[in-house]
Amino acid sequence: MNFTSNAVEMTKEILKRKLGGEYLVPVTIASSEFAYTDVIKAGTPINADGEAASDTEYGGATTSDAVGILLNDVYVENPNGSLIKAFAAVNVANCPKVDNVSVITDAVKAALPLIAFE
């Protein structure tokens, strides 16, 4: 008897549940985002320029320039992806972390009020 095993790496599912009414738009990730990596992970907040969103603190308040959450992993060979903008339930536990801190900050949650973060 012969047995062959193949490992397939899959994108983590960032949606907590499929609601069927998720508002998705196409997005092209900026080439500058691929300077240090070949993949931008699903669950990364993205701004209007196609770059990873950043938080800004001003006068004691923190705001984010996020316009959506990346639905699937995006690779340098094909920088096109889908952006969740509204009516979705995002599983924060499956979103990327930087130094063990989630990229889904309170400022990102405030910038995207039509997305439920669970």
PDB file of N, CA and C in Angstrom:
ATOM      1  N   MET A   1       0.837  -1.165   0.000  1.00  0.00           N
ATOM      2  CA  MET A   1       0.000   0.000   0.000  1.00  0.00           C
ATOM      3  C   MET A   1       0.890   1.239   0.000  1.00  0.00           C
ATOM      4  N   ASN A   2       0.619   2.163  -0.901  1.00  0.00           N
ATOM      5  CA  ASN A   2       1.364   3.411  -0.990  1.00  0.00           C
ATOM      6  C   ASN A   2       0.526   4.543  -0.409  1.00  0.00           C
ATOM      7  N   PHE A   3       1.219   5.437   0.279  1.00  0.00           N
ATOM      8  CA  PHE A   3       0.539   6.576   0.872  1.00  0.00           C
ATOM      9  C   PHE A   3       1.354   7.825   0.603  1.00  0.00           C
ATOM     10  N   THR A   4       0.710   8.869   0.109  1.00  0.00           N
ATOM     11  CA  THR A   4       1.372  10.139  -0.144  1.00  0.00           C
ATOM     12  C   THR A   4       0.619  11.221   0.600  1.00  0.00           C
ATOM     13  N   SER A   5       1.342  12.052   1.306  1.00  0.00           N
ATOM     14  CA  SER A   5       0.731  13.143   2.057  1.00  0.00           C
ATOM     15  C   SER A   5       1.205  14.470   1.494  1.00  0.00           C
ATOM     16  N   ASN A   6       0.275  15.366   1.256  1.00  0.00           N
ATOM     17  CA  ASN A   6       0.594  16.711   0.785  1.00  0.00           C
ATOM     18  C   ASN A   6       0.023  17.718   1.763  1.00  0.00           C
ATOM     19  N   ALA A   7       0.838  18.631   2.198  1.00  0.00           N
ATOM     20  CA  ALA A   7       0.379  19.687   3.092  1.00  0.00           C
ATOM     21  C   ALA A   7      -0.013  20.903   2.266  1.00  0.00           C
ATOM     22  N   VAL A   8      -1.169  21.453   2.557  1.00  0.00           N
ATOM     23  CA  VAL A   8      -1.654  22.630   1.858  1.00  0.00           C
ATOM     24  C   VAL A   8      -1.904  23.715   2.891  1.00  0.00           C
ATOM     25  N   GLU A   9      -1.243  24.848   2.716  1.00  0.00           N
ATOM     26  CA  GLU A   9      -1.447  25.954   3.631  1.00  0.00           C
ATOM     27  C   GLU A   9      -2.636  26.764   3.149  1.00  0.00           C
ATOM     28  N   MET A  10      -3.552  27.041   4.060  1.00  0.00           N
ATOM     29  CA  MET A  10      -4.755  27.778   3.701  1.00  0.00           C
ATOM     30  C   MET A  10      -4.805  29.101   4.446  1.00  0.00           C
ATOM     31  N   THR A  11      -5.507  30.041   3.863  1.00  0.00           N
ATOM     32  CA  THR A  11      -5.734  31.319   4.508  1.00  0.00           C
ATOM     33  C   THR A  11      -6.666  31.117   5.691  1.00  0.00           C
ATOM     34  N   LYS A  12      -6.365  31.742   6.811  1.00  0.00           N
ATOM     35  CA  LYS A  12      -7.268  31.674   7.960  1.00  0.00           C
ATOM     36  C   LYS A  12      -8.580  32.350   7.596  1.00  0.00           C
ATOM     37  N   GLU A  13      -9.668  31.781   8.054  1.00  0.00           N
ATOM     38  CA  GLU A  13     -10.989  32.355   7.812  1.00  0.00           C
ATOM     39  C   GLU A  13     -11.192  33.501   8.790  1.00  0.00           C
ATOM     40  N   ILE A  14     -11.272  34.728   8.282  1.00  0.00           N
ATOM     41  CA  ILE A  14     -11.408  35.866   9.184  1.00  0.00           C
ATOM     42  C   ILE A  14     -12.857  36.214   9.459  1.00  0.00           C
ATOM     43  N   LEU A  15     -13.782  35.661   8.693  1.00  0.00           N
ATOM     44  CA  LEU A  15     -15.193  35.918   8.970  1.00  0.00           C
ATOM     45  C   LEU A  15     -15.682  34.960  10.045  1.00  0.00           C
ATOM     46  N   LYS A  16     -16.303  35.492  11.067  1.00  0.00           N
ATOM     47  CA  LYS A  16     -16.832  34.676  12.155  1.00  0.00           C
ATOM     48  C   LYS A  16     -17.977  33.803  11.649  1.00  0.00           C
ATOM     49  N   ARG A  17     -18.806  34.396  10.825  1.00  0.00           N
ATOM     50  CA  ARG A  17     -19.893  33.661  10.177  1.00  0.00           C
ATOM     51  C   ARG A  17     -20.237  34.389   8.884  1.00  0.00           C
ATOM     52  N   LYS A  18     -20.710  33.645   7.919  1.00  0.00           N
ATOM     53  CA  LYS A  18     -21.101  34.226   6.633  1.00  0.00           C
ATOM     54  C   LYS A  18     -22.534  34.726   6.756  1.00  0.00           C
ATOM     55  N   LEU A  19     -22.704  36.024   6.580  1.00  0.00           N
ATOM     56  CA  LEU A  19     -24.028  36.617   6.685  1.00  0.00           C
ATOM     57  C   LEU A  19     -24.721  36.657   5.326  1.00  0.00           C
ATOM     58  N   GLY A  20     -23.949  36.624   4.257  1.00  0.00           N
ATOM     59  CA  GLY A  20     -24.515  36.674   2.918  1.00  0.00           C
ATOM     60  C   GLY A  20     -24.676  38.077   2.374  1.00  0.00           C
ATOM     61  N   GLY A  21     -24.545  39.081   3.203  1.00  0.00           N
ATOM     62  CA  GLY A  21     -24.716  40.462   2.745  1.00  0.00           C
ATOM     63  C   GLY A  21     -23.464  41.287   2.897  1.00  0.00           C
ATOM     64  N   GLU A  22     -22.299  40.634   2.995  1.00  0.00           N
ATOM     65  CA  GLU A  22     -21.048  41.359   3.174  1.00  0.00           C
ATOM     66  C   GLU A  22     -20.809  42.300   1.988  1.00  0.00           C
ATOM     67  N   TYR A  23     -20.389  43.514   2.292  1.00  0.00           N
ATOM     68  CA  TYR A  23     -20.090  44.488   1.249  1.00  0.00           C
ATOM     69  C   TYR A  23     -18.595  44.426   0.965  1.00  0.00           C
ATOM     70  N   LEU A  24     -18.243  43.865  -0.188  1.00  0.00           N
ATOM     71  CA  LEU A  24     -16.846  43.694  -0.580  1.00  0.00           C
ATOM     72  C   LEU A  24     -16.545  44.567  -1.792  1.00  0.00           C
ATOM     73  N   VAL A  25     -15.339  45.127  -1.828  1.00  0.00           N
ATOM     74  CA  VAL A  25     -14.885  45.888  -2.992  1.00  0.00           C
ATOM     75  C   VAL A  25     -13.490  45.397  -3.375  1.00  0.00           C
ATOM     76  N   PRO A  26     -13.166  45.455  -4.670  1.00  0.00           N
ATOM     77  CA  PRO A  26     -11.812  45.058  -5.075  1.00  0.00           C
ATOM     78  C   PRO A  26     -10.797  46.106  -4.639  1.00  0.00           C
ATOM     79  N   VAL A  27      -9.585  45.649  -4.340  1.00  0.00           N
ATOM     80  CA  VAL A  27      -8.522  46.551  -3.921  1.00  0.00           C
ATOM     81  C   VAL A  27      -7.201  46.056  -4.508  1.00  0.00           C
ATOM     82  N   THR A  28      -6.354  46.992  -4.890  1.00  0.00           N
ATOM     83  CA  THR A  28      -4.998  46.677  -5.320  1.00  0.00           C
ATOM     84  C   THR A  28      -4.056  47.170  -4.235  1.00  0.00           C
ATOM     85  N   ILE A  29      -3.279  46.252  -3.682  1.00  0.00           N
ATOM     86  CA  ILE A  29      -2.348  46.595  -2.615  1.00  0.00           C
ATOM     87  C   ILE A  29      -1.149  47.329  -3.213  1.00  0.00           C
ATOM     88  N   ALA A  30      -0.743  48.414  -2.582  1.00  0.00           N
ATOM     89  CA  ALA A  30       0.390  49.219  -3.047  1.00  0.00           C
ATOM     90  C   ALA A  30       1.673  48.393  -3.050  1.00  0.00           C
ATOM     91  N   SER A  31       2.490  48.592  -4.061  1.00  0.00           N
ATOM     92  CA  SER A  31       3.738  47.831  -4.182  1.00  0.00           C
ATOM     93  C   SER A  31       4.682  48.093  -3.007  1.00  0.00           C
ATOM     94  N   SER A  32       4.575  49.249  -2.374  1.00  0.00           N
ATOM     95  CA  SER A  32       5.437  49.561  -1.229  1.00  0.00           C
ATOM     96  C   SER A  32       5.171  48.631  -0.041  1.00  0.00           C
ATOM     97  N   GLU A  33       3.999  48.026   0.038  1.00  0.00           N
ATOM     98  CA  GLU A  33       3.669  47.107   1.126  1.00  0.00           C
ATOM     99  C   GLU A  33       4.433  45.794   1.032  1.00  0.00           C
ATOM    100  N   PHE A  34       4.957  45.492  -0.158  1.00  0.00           N
ATOM    101  CA  PHE A  34       5.674  44.240  -0.365  1.00  0.00           C
ATOM    102  C   PHE A  34       7.191  44.418  -0.250  1.00  0.00           C
ATOM    103  N   ALA A  35       7.650  45.503   0.361  1.00  0.00           N
ATOM    104  CA  ALA A  35       9.087  45.765   0.487  1.00  0.00           C
ATOM    105  C   ALA A  35       9.771  44.722   1.376  1.00  0.00           C
ATOM    106  N   TYR A  36       9.088  44.262   2.427  1.00  0.00           N
ATOM    107  CA  TYR A  36       9.720  43.346   3.380  1.00  0.00           C
ATOM    108  C   TYR A  36       9.045  41.984   3.459  1.00  0.00           C
ATOM    109  N   THR A  37       8.006  41.781   2.671  1.00  0.00           N
ATOM    110  CA  THR A  37       7.275  40.519   2.708  1.00  0.00           C
ATOM    111  C   THR A  37       6.678  40.216   1.343  1.00  0.00           C
ATOM    112  N   ASP A  38       6.365  38.953   1.103  1.00  0.00           N
ATOM    113  CA  ASP A  38       5.751  38.549  -0.160  1.00  0.00           C
ATOM    114  C   ASP A  38       4.244  38.409  -0.043  1.00  0.00           C
ATOM    115  N   VAL A  39       3.715  38.534   1.168  1.00  0.00           N
ATOM    116  CA  VAL A  39       2.280  38.341   1.378  1.00  0.00           C
ATOM    117  C   VAL A  39       1.750  39.321   2.422  1.00  0.00           C
ATOM    118  N   ILE A  40       0.579  39.885   2.134  1.00  0.00           N
ATOM    119  CA  ILE A  40      -0.144  40.696   3.103  1.00  0.00           C
ATOM    120  C   ILE A  40      -1.283  39.804   3.593  1.00  0.00           C
ATOM    121  N   LYS A  41      -1.338  39.551   4.883  1.00  0.00           N
ATOM    122  CA  LYS A  41      -2.251  38.570   5.462  1.00  0.00           C
ATOM    123  C   LYS A  41      -3.704  39.062   5.512  1.00  0.00           C
ATOM    124  N   ALA A  42      -4.619  38.113   5.373  1.00  0.00           N
ATOM    125  CA  ALA A  42      -6.043  38.389   5.530  1.00  0.00           C
ATOM    126  C   ALA A  42      -6.285  38.933   6.930  1.00  0.00           C
ATOM    127  N   GLY A  43      -7.178  39.901   7.035  1.00  0.00           N
ATOM    128  CA  GLY A  43      -7.474  40.511   8.326  1.00  0.00           C
ATOM    129  C   GLY A  43      -6.712  41.797   8.577  1.00  0.00           C
ATOM    130  N   THR A  44      -5.850  42.181   7.646  1.00  0.00           N
ATOM    131  CA  THR A  44      -5.082  43.422   7.787  1.00  0.00           C
ATOM    132  C   THR A  44      -5.968  44.612   7.423  1.00  0.00           C
ATOM    133  N   PRO A  45      -6.050  45.623   8.280  1.00  0.00           N
ATOM    134  CA  PRO A  45      -6.791  46.834   7.915  1.00  0.00           C
ATOM    135  C   PRO A  45      -6.046  47.570   6.794  1.00  0.00           C
ATOM    136  N   ILE A  46      -6.793  48.042   5.796  1.00  0.00           N
ATOM    137  CA  ILE A  46      -6.211  48.704   4.621  1.00  0.00           C
ATOM    138  C   ILE A  46      -6.793  50.107   4.507  1.00  0.00           C
ATOM    139  N   ASN A  47      -5.943  51.082   4.114  1.00  0.00           N
ATOM    140  CA  ASN A  47      -6.425  52.450   3.925  1.00  0.00           C
ATOM    141  C   ASN A  47      -6.805  52.694   2.455  1.00  0.00           C
ATOM    142  N   ALA A  48      -7.211  53.892   2.131  1.00  0.00           N
ATOM    143  CA  ALA A  48      -7.689  54.228   0.788  1.00  0.00           C
ATOM    144  C   ALA A  48      -6.600  54.143  -0.273  1.00  0.00           C
ATOM    145  N   ASP A  49      -5.329  54.202   0.118  1.00  0.00           N
ATOM    146  CA  ASP A  49      -4.219  54.134  -0.835  1.00  0.00           C
ATOM    147  C   ASP A  49      -3.755  52.709  -1.096  1.00  0.00           C
ATOM    148  N   GLY A  50      -4.408  51.719  -0.503  1.00  0.00           N
ATOM    149  CA  GLY A  50      -4.012  50.325  -0.688  1.00  0.00           C
ATOM    150  C   GLY A  50      -2.842  49.920   0.188  1.00  0.00           C
ATOM    151  N   GLU A  51      -2.617  50.645   1.255  1.00  0.00           N
ATOM    152  CA  GLU A  51      -1.538  50.349   2.197  1.00  0.00           C
ATOM    153  C   GLU A  51      -2.128  49.896   3.528  1.00  0.00           C
ATOM    154  N   ALA A  52      -1.317  49.262   4.347  1.00  0.00           N
ATOM    155  CA  ALA A  52      -1.771  48.870   5.679  1.00  0.00           C
ATOM    156  C   ALA A  52      -2.144  50.129   6.453  1.00  0.00           C
ATOM    157  N   ALA A  53      -3.298  50.105   7.086  1.00  0.00           N
ATOM    158  CA  ALA A  53      -3.784  51.275   7.818  1.00  0.00           C
ATOM    159  C   ALA A  53      -2.903  51.548   9.032  1.00  0.00           C
ATOM    160  N   SER A  54      -2.858  52.810   9.410  1.00  0.00           N
ATOM    161  CA  SER A  54      -2.076  53.182  10.592  1.00  0.00           C
ATOM    162  C   SER A  54      -2.939  54.017  11.525  1.00  0.00           C
ATOM    163  N   ASP A  55      -2.608  53.938  12.795  1.00  0.00           N
ATOM    164  CA  ASP A  55      -3.301  54.727  13.811  1.00  0.00           C
ATOM    165  C   ASP A  55      -2.513  56.008  14.065  1.00  0.00           C
ATOM    166  N   THR A  56      -3.240  57.094  14.297  1.00  0.00           N
ATOM    167  CA  THR A  56      -2.630  58.382  14.568  1.00  0.00           C
ATOM    168  C   THR A  56      -3.202  58.931  15.861  1.00  0.00           C
ATOM    169  N   GLU A  57      -2.314  59.374  16.739  1.00  0.00           N
ATOM    170  CA  GLU A  57      -2.771  59.964  17.995  1.00  0.00           C
ATOM    171  C   GLU A  57      -2.633  61.472  17.910  1.00  0.00           C
ATOM    172  N   TYR A  58      -3.712  62.161  18.245  1.00  0.00           N
ATOM    173  CA  TYR A  58      -3.700  63.613  18.214  1.00  0.00           C
ATOM    174  C   TYR A  58      -4.595  64.131  19.321  1.00  0.00           C
ATOM    175  N   GLY A  59      -4.049  64.910  20.198  1.00  0.00           N
ATOM    176  CA  GLY A  59      -4.823  65.506  21.274  1.00  0.00           C
ATOM    177  C   GLY A  59      -5.448  64.496  22.219  1.00  0.00           C
ATOM    178  N   GLY A  60      -4.779  63.382  22.422  1.00  0.00           N
ATOM    179  CA  GLY A  60      -5.287  62.371  23.336  1.00  0.00           C
ATOM    180  C   GLY A  60      -6.239  61.374  22.709  1.00  0.00           C
ATOM    181  N   ALA A  61      -6.634  61.618  21.459  1.00  0.00           N
ATOM    182  CA  ALA A  61      -7.540  60.692  20.765  1.00  0.00           C
ATOM    183  C   ALA A  61      -6.764  59.963  19.667  1.00  0.00           C
ATOM    184  N   THR A  62      -7.068  58.688  19.494  1.00  0.00           N
ATOM    185  CA  THR A  62      -6.414  57.890  18.469  1.00  0.00           C
ATOM    186  C   THR A  62      -7.419  57.590  17.361  1.00  0.00           C
ATOM    187  N   THR A  63      -7.008  57.865  16.115  1.00  0.00           N
ATOM    188  CA  THR A  63      -7.860  57.589  14.957  1.00  0.00           C
ATOM    189  C   THR A  63      -7.109  56.683  13.989  1.00  0.00           C
ATOM    190  N   SER A  64      -7.856  56.027  13.116  1.00  0.00           N
ATOM    191  CA  SER A  64      -7.264  55.141  12.120  1.00  0.00           C
ATOM    192  C   SER A  64      -7.722  55.580  10.733  1.00  0.00           C
ATOM    193  N   ASP A  65      -6.855  55.365   9.735  1.00  0.00           N
ATOM    194  CA  ASP A  65      -7.218  55.694   8.358  1.00  0.00           C
ATOM    195  C   ASP A  65      -7.739  54.467   7.597  1.00  0.00           C
ATOM    196  N   ALA A  66      -8.173  53.435   8.318  1.00  0.00           N
ATOM    197  CA  ALA A  66      -8.672  52.202   7.701  1.00  0.00           C
ATOM    198  C   ALA A  66      -9.997  52.456   6.979  1.00  0.00           C
ATOM    199  N   VAL A  67     -10.132  51.860   5.778  1.00  0.00           N
ATOM    200  CA  VAL A  67     -11.397  51.911   5.047  1.00  0.00           C
ATOM    201  C   VAL A  67     -11.993  50.517   4.885  1.00  0.00           C
ATOM    202  N   GLY A  68     -11.232  49.487   5.278  1.00  0.00           N
ATOM    203  CA  GLY A  68     -11.729  48.124   5.176  1.00  0.00           C
ATOM    204  C   GLY A  68     -10.725  47.119   5.700  1.00  0.00           C
ATOM    205  N   ILE A  69     -11.154  45.836   5.705  1.00  0.00           N
ATOM    206  CA  ILE A  69     -10.337  44.728   6.186  1.00  0.00           C
ATOM    207  C   ILE A  69     -10.100  43.777   5.015  1.00  0.00           C
ATOM    208  N   LEU A  70      -8.871  43.349   4.822  1.00  0.00           N
ATOM    209  CA  LEU A  70      -8.527  42.437   3.739  1.00  0.00           C
ATOM    210  C   LEU A  70      -9.142  41.063   3.986  1.00  0.00           C
ATOM    211  N   LEU A  71      -9.884  40.545   2.998  1.00  0.00           N
ATOM    212  CA  LEU A  71     -10.594  39.276   3.156  1.00  0.00           C
ATOM    213  C   LEU A  71      -9.687  38.070   2.960  1.00  0.00           C
ATOM    214  N   ASN A  72      -8.784  38.120   1.994  1.00  0.00           N
ATOM    215  CA  ASN A  72      -7.895  36.998   1.678  1.00  0.00           C
ATOM    216  C   ASN A  72      -6.445  37.464   1.678  1.00  0.00           C
ATOM    217  N   ASP A  73      -5.524  36.507   1.791  1.00  0.00           N
ATOM    218  CA  ASP A  73      -4.105  36.831   1.643  1.00  0.00           C
ATOM    219  C   ASP A  73      -3.860  37.378   0.242  1.00  0.00           C
ATOM    220  N   VAL A  74      -2.980  38.386   0.136  1.00  0.00           N
ATOM    221  CA  VAL A  74      -2.624  38.979  -1.152  1.00  0.00           C
ATOM    222  C   VAL A  74      -1.124  38.821  -1.336  1.00  0.00           C
ATOM    223  N   TYR A  75      -0.724  38.301  -2.502  1.00  0.00           N
ATOM    224  CA  TYR A  75       0.678  38.000  -2.784  1.00  0.00           C
ATOM    225  C   TYR A  75       1.269  39.015  -3.756  1.00  0.00           C
ATOM    226  N   VAL A  76       2.575  39.167  -3.716  1.00  0.00           N
ATOM    227  CA  VAL A  76       3.271  40.138  -4.545  1.00  0.00           C
ATOM    228  C   VAL A  76       3.074  39.850  -6.038  1.00  0.00           C
ATOM    229  N   GLU A  77       2.922  38.569  -6.413  1.00  0.00           N
ATOM    230  CA  GLU A  77       2.733  38.211  -7.826  1.00  0.00           C
ATOM    231  C   GLU A  77       1.401  38.726  -8.364  1.00  0.00           C
ATOM    232  N   ASN A  78       0.382  38.821  -7.500  1.00  0.00           N
ATOM    233  CA  ASN A  78      -0.942  39.297  -7.875  1.00  0.00           C
ATOM    234  C   ASN A  78      -1.468  40.154  -6.729  1.00  0.00           C
ATOM    235  N   PRO A  79      -1.221  41.465  -6.774  1.00  0.00           N
ATOM    236  CA  PRO A  79      -1.544  42.330  -5.636  1.00  0.00           C
ATOM    237  C   PRO A  79      -3.021  42.715  -5.521  1.00  0.00           C
ATOM    238  N   ASN A  80      -3.918  41.935  -6.121  1.00  0.00           N
ATOM    239  CA  ASN A  80      -5.346  42.249  -6.092  1.00  0.00           C
ATOM    240  C   ASN A  80      -6.044  41.418  -5.033  1.00  0.00           C
ATOM    241  N   GLY A  81      -6.968  42.052  -4.325  1.00  0.00           N
ATOM    242  CA  GLY A  81      -7.696  41.353  -3.282  1.00  0.00           C
ATOM    243  C   GLY A  81      -9.079  41.933  -3.088  1.00  0.00           C
ATOM    244  N   SER A  82      -9.748  41.484  -2.050  1.00  0.00           N
ATOM    245  CA  SER A  82     -11.088  41.966  -1.706  1.00  0.00           C
ATOM    246  C   SER A  82     -11.045  42.615  -0.337  1.00  0.00           C
ATOM    247  N   LEU A  83     -11.745  43.717  -0.229  1.00  0.00           N
ATOM    248  CA  LEU A  83     -11.774  44.494   0.999  1.00  0.00           C
ATOM    249  C   LEU A  83     -13.184  44.444   1.583  1.00  0.00           C
ATOM    250  N   ILE A  84     -13.288  44.058   2.851  1.00  0.00           N
ATOM    251  CA  ILE A  84     -14.568  44.066   3.548  1.00  0.00           C
ATOM    252  C   ILE A  84     -14.791  45.487   4.051  1.00  0.00           C
ATOM    253  N   LYS A  85     -15.907  46.090   3.620  1.00  0.00           N
ATOM    254  CA  LYS A  85     -16.189  47.454   4.044  1.00  0.00           C
ATOM    255  C   LYS A  85     -17.373  47.550   5.001  1.00  0.00           C
ATOM    256  N   ALA A  86     -18.290  46.578   4.945  1.00  0.00           N
ATOM    257  CA  ALA A  86     -19.479  46.661   5.801  1.00  0.00           C
ATOM    258  C   ALA A  86     -20.210  45.334   5.868  1.00  0.00           C
ATOM    259  N   PHE A  87     -21.088  45.224   6.866  1.00  0.00           N
ATOM    260  CA  PHE A  87     -22.037  44.123   7.024  1.00  0.00           C
ATOM    261  C   PHE A  87     -21.372  42.760   7.123  1.00  0.00           C
ATOM    262  N   ALA A  88     -20.336  42.666   7.937  1.00  0.00           N
ATOM    263  CA  ALA A  88     -19.623  41.406   8.140  1.00  0.00           C
ATOM    264  C   ALA A  88     -19.286  41.251   9.616  1.00  0.00           C
ATOM    265  N   ALA A  89     -19.101  40.003  10.027  1.00  0.00           N
ATOM    266  CA  ALA A  89     -18.672  39.691  11.389  1.00  0.00           C
ATOM    267  C   ALA A  89     -17.255  39.136  11.312  1.00  0.00           C
ATOM    268  N   VAL A  90     -16.278  39.923  11.749  1.00  0.00           N
ATOM    269  CA  VAL A  90     -14.867  39.563  11.636  1.00  0.00           C
ATOM    270  C   VAL A  90     -14.386  38.893  12.918  1.00  0.00           C
ATOM    271  N   ASN A  91     -13.706  37.763  12.766  1.00  0.00           N
ATOM    272  CA  ASN A  91     -13.128  37.023  13.881  1.00  0.00           C
ATOM    273  C   ASN A  91     -11.757  37.624  14.199  1.00  0.00           C
ATOM    274  N   VAL A  92     -11.670  38.428  15.225  1.00  0.00           N
ATOM    275  CA  VAL A  92     -10.438  39.138  15.580  1.00  0.00           C
ATOM    276  C   VAL A  92      -9.308  38.166  15.927  1.00  0.00           C
ATOM    277  N   ALA A  93      -9.643  37.004  16.464  1.00  0.00           N
ATOM    278  CA  ALA A  93      -8.622  36.022  16.843  1.00  0.00           C
ATOM    279  C   ALA A  93      -7.842  35.509  15.636  1.00  0.00           C
ATOM    280  N   ASN A  94      -8.438  35.525  14.445  1.00  0.00           N
ATOM    281  CA  ASN A  94      -7.755  35.046  13.238  1.00  0.00           C
ATOM    282  C   ASN A  94      -7.068  36.156  12.453  1.00  0.00           C
ATOM    283  N   CYS A  95      -7.177  37.386  12.896  1.00  0.00           N
ATOM    284  CA  CYS A  95      -6.504  38.498  12.217  1.00  0.00           C
ATOM    285  C   CYS A  95      -5.036  38.514  12.627  1.00  0.00           C
ATOM    286  N   PRO A  96      -4.164  39.069  11.763  1.00  0.00           N
ATOM    287  CA  PRO A  96      -2.725  39.065  12.075  1.00  0.00           C
ATOM    288  C   PRO A  96      -2.391  39.826  13.354  1.00  0.00           C
ATOM    289  N   LYS A  97      -1.255  39.453  13.904  1.00  0.00           N
ATOM    290  CA  LYS A  97      -0.746  40.120  15.104  1.00  0.00           C
ATOM    291  C   LYS A  97       0.682  40.593  14.831  1.00  0.00           C
ATOM    292  N   VAL A  98       1.050  41.717  15.425  1.00  0.00           N
ATOM    293  CA  VAL A  98       2.410  42.243  15.338  1.00  0.00           C
ATOM    294  C   VAL A  98       2.929  42.300  16.767  1.00  0.00           C
ATOM    295  N   ASP A  99       3.992  41.559  17.039  1.00  0.00           N
ATOM    296  CA  ASP A  99       4.553  41.473  18.394  1.00  0.00           C
ATOM    297  C   ASP A  99       3.490  41.067  19.412  1.00  0.00           C
ATOM    298  N   ASN A 100       2.674  40.074  19.040  1.00  0.00           N
ATOM    299  CA  ASN A 100       1.595  39.532  19.871  1.00  0.00           C
ATOM    300  C   ASN A 100       0.482  40.532  20.179  1.00  0.00           C
ATOM    301  N   VAL A 101       0.395  41.621  19.413  1.00  0.00           N
ATOM    302  CA  VAL A 101      -0.670  42.602  19.561  1.00  0.00           C
ATOM    303  C   VAL A 101      -1.476  42.612  18.274  1.00  0.00           C
ATOM    304  N   SER A 102      -2.781  42.491  18.384  1.00  0.00           N
ATOM    305  CA  SER A 102      -3.659  42.440  17.213  1.00  0.00           C
ATOM    306  C   SER A 102      -3.578  43.738  16.421  1.00  0.00           C
ATOM    307  N   VAL A 103      -3.665  43.626  15.086  1.00  0.00           N
ATOM    308  CA  VAL A 103      -3.682  44.814  14.242  1.00  0.00           C
ATOM    309  C   VAL A 103      -5.061  45.467  14.251  1.00  0.00           C
ATOM    310  N   ILE A 104      -6.047  44.772  14.827  1.00  0.00           N
ATOM    311  CA  ILE A 104      -7.392  45.326  14.952  1.00  0.00           C
ATOM    312  C   ILE A 104      -7.453  46.090  16.278  1.00  0.00           C
ATOM    313  N   THR A 105      -7.138  47.359  16.208  1.00  0.00           N
ATOM    314  CA  THR A 105      -7.116  48.215  17.398  1.00  0.00           C
ATOM    315  C   THR A 105      -8.493  48.841  17.618  1.00  0.00           C
ATOM    316  N   ASP A 106      -8.647  49.509  18.744  1.00  0.00           N
ATOM    317  CA  ASP A 106      -9.902  50.218  19.018  1.00  0.00           C
ATOM    318  C   ASP A 106     -10.134  51.322  17.984  1.00  0.00           C
ATOM    319  N   ALA A 107      -9.068  51.939  17.497  1.00  0.00           N
ATOM    320  CA  ALA A 107      -9.198  52.984  16.482  1.00  0.00           C
ATOM    321  C   ALA A 107      -9.704  52.404  15.161  1.00  0.00           C
ATOM    322  N   VAL A 108      -9.245  51.199  14.798  1.00  0.00           N
ATOM    323  CA  VAL A 108      -9.728  50.537  13.585  1.00  0.00           C
ATOM    324  C   VAL A 108     -11.203  50.202  13.737  1.00  0.00           C
ATOM    325  N   LYS A 109     -11.585  49.701  14.904  1.00  0.00           N
ATOM    326  CA  LYS A 109     -12.997  49.376  15.156  1.00  0.00           C
ATOM    327  C   LYS A 109     -13.868  50.624  15.050  1.00  0.00           C
ATOM    328  N   ALA A 110     -13.379  51.749  15.539  1.00  0.00           N
ATOM    329  CA  ALA A 110     -14.140  52.999  15.457  1.00  0.00           C
ATOM    330  C   ALA A 110     -14.234  53.515  14.017  1.00  0.00           C
ATOM    331  N   ALA A 111     -13.190  53.285  13.224  1.00  0.00           N
ATOM    332  CA  ALA A 111     -13.172  53.739  11.831  1.00  0.00           C
ATOM    333  C   ALA A 111     -14.090  52.897  10.932  1.00  0.00           C
ATOM    334  N   LEU A 112     -14.402  51.670  11.376  1.00  0.00           N
ATOM    335  CA  LEU A 112     -15.231  50.756  10.581  1.00  0.00           C
ATOM    336  C   LEU A 112     -16.472  50.356  11.387  1.00  0.00           C
ATOM    337  N   PRO A 113     -17.406  51.279  11.605  1.00  0.00           N
ATOM    338  CA  PRO A 113     -18.552  50.993  12.470  1.00  0.00           C
ATOM    339  C   PRO A 113     -19.561  49.996  11.885  1.00  0.00           C
ATOM    340  N   LEU A 114     -19.510  49.745  10.587  1.00  0.00           N
ATOM    341  CA  LEU A 114     -20.464  48.826   9.971  1.00  0.00           C
ATOM    342  C   LEU A 114     -19.977  47.388   9.940  1.00  0.00           C
ATOM    343  N   ILE A 115     -18.832  47.137  10.584  1.00  0.00           N
ATOM    344  CA  ILE A 115     -18.290  45.777  10.698  1.00  0.00           C
ATOM    345  C   ILE A 115     -18.336  45.384  12.168  1.00  0.00           C
ATOM    346  N   ALA A 116     -18.835  44.181  12.427  1.00  0.00           N
ATOM    347  CA  ALA A 116     -18.858  43.656  13.802  1.00  0.00           C
ATOM    348  C   ALA A 116     -17.557  42.896  14.049  1.00  0.00           C
ATOM    349  N   PHE A 117     -16.836  43.280  15.080  1.00  0.00           N
ATOM    350  CA  PHE A 117     -15.585  42.608  15.456  1.00  0.00           C
ATOM    351  C   PHE A 117     -15.859  41.738  16.676  1.00  0.00           C
ATOM    352  N   GLU A 118     -15.677  40.441  16.522  1.00  0.00           N
ATOM    353  CA  GLU A 118     -15.977  39.509  17.604  1.00  0.00           C
ATOM    354  C   GLU A 118     -14.781  38.668  17.950  1.00  0.00           C
TER     355      GLU A 118
END
